[in-house]
Protein backbone atom coordinates (compact mmCIF):
# COMPACT_ATOMS: atom_id res chain seq x y z
CA MET A 1 -0.52 -8.60 -6.38
CA THR A 2 -3.46 -8.97 -3.77
CA ASP A 3 -3.90 -7.39 -0.73
CA GLU A 4 -2.53 -9.78 1.49
CA GLN A 5 0.42 -9.82 -0.32
CA ILE A 6 1.00 -6.26 -0.35
CA ARG A 7 0.55 -6.63 3.41
CA ASP A 8 3.37 -8.74 3.60
CA SER A 9 6.04 -7.25 1.54
CA ILE A 10 5.24 -4.18 3.50
CA ARG A 11 5.59 -6.00 6.47
CA LEU A 12 8.91 -7.57 4.98
CA GLY A 13 10.35 -5.05 3.95
CA VAL A 14 11.02 -6.14 0.54
CA PRO A 15 10.76 -4.02 -2.71
CA PHE A 16 7.21 -4.53 -4.62
CA PHE A 17 4.55 -3.04 -6.90
CA GLY A 18 0.97 -3.80 -6.65
CA ILE A 19 -2.34 -2.66 -7.21
CA THR A 20 -5.08 -2.74 -4.19
CA GLU A 21 -8.32 -4.17 -4.73
CA ARG A 22 -9.30 -1.14 -4.96
CA GLY A 23 -7.20 0.24 -7.43
CA GLU A 24 -4.70 2.21 -5.87
CA MET A 25 -1.34 1.36 -6.89
CA MET A 26 1.41 1.17 -4.06
CA ALA A 27 5.55 0.24 -4.54
CA ARG A 28 8.44 0.35 -2.33
CA TYR A 29 11.82 0.53 -4.73
CA LEU A 30 14.67 -0.33 -2.25
CA PRO A 31 14.88 -2.47 0.58
CA TYR A 32 12.95 -0.80 3.85
CA GLY A 33 12.76 2.14 1.94
CA PRO A 34 9.40 4.43 2.24
CA VAL A 35 6.46 2.83 0.74
CA PHE A 36 4.74 5.18 -1.99
CA LYS A 37 0.76 5.12 -2.30
CA TRP A 38 -0.61 7.34 -5.29
CA SER A 39 -3.66 7.24 -7.68
CA SER A 40 -4.01 7.29 -10.90
CA ASN A 41 -4.64 11.20 -11.25
CA GLN A 42 -2.02 11.86 -9.06
CA ILE A 43 1.82 12.45 -10.41
CA VAL A 44 4.02 12.86 -7.10
CA PRO A 45 3.50 9.73 -4.84
CA THR A 46 2.50 10.41 -1.40
CA PRO A 47 4.77 8.59 1.49
CA LEU A 48 3.15 6.08 3.94
CA GLN A 49 5.12 4.47 6.19
CA GLY A 50 5.12 2.05 8.95
CA SER A 51 1.80 2.24 11.20
CA ASP A 52 0.56 4.55 9.03
CA LEU A 53 0.32 2.68 6.23
CA LEU A 54 -0.99 -0.70 8.18
CA TRP A 55 -3.09 1.68 9.52
CA TRP A 56 -4.46 2.90 6.25
CA LEU A 57 -4.36 -0.75 4.82
CA LYS A 58 -7.00 -1.99 7.61
CA ALA A 59 -8.90 1.03 7.25
CA SER A 60 -9.79 0.23 3.94
CA ASP A 61 -10.59 -3.26 4.69
CA GLU A 62 -12.96 -2.41 7.30
CA GLU A 63 -14.55 0.16 4.35
CA ASP A 64 -15.13 -2.29 2.03
CA HIS A 65 -16.88 -5.01 4.43
CA GLN A 66 -19.40 -2.00 5.47
CA GLU A 67 -20.77 -2.32 2.11
């Protein structure tokens, strides 16, 4: 999935599994359930939800554009 598809899935509240352009895995397993983000070295996922998750995605995009 692209970052845009991941954002759309988050906003629409649908289940998804995707890897961001930065290589981070994100998933939602139940409709409107929590969204989990984890790196390949972590076993326990860290839930991110709502505006915190959208802020994280926006901040990640801004960091990419500063390079």
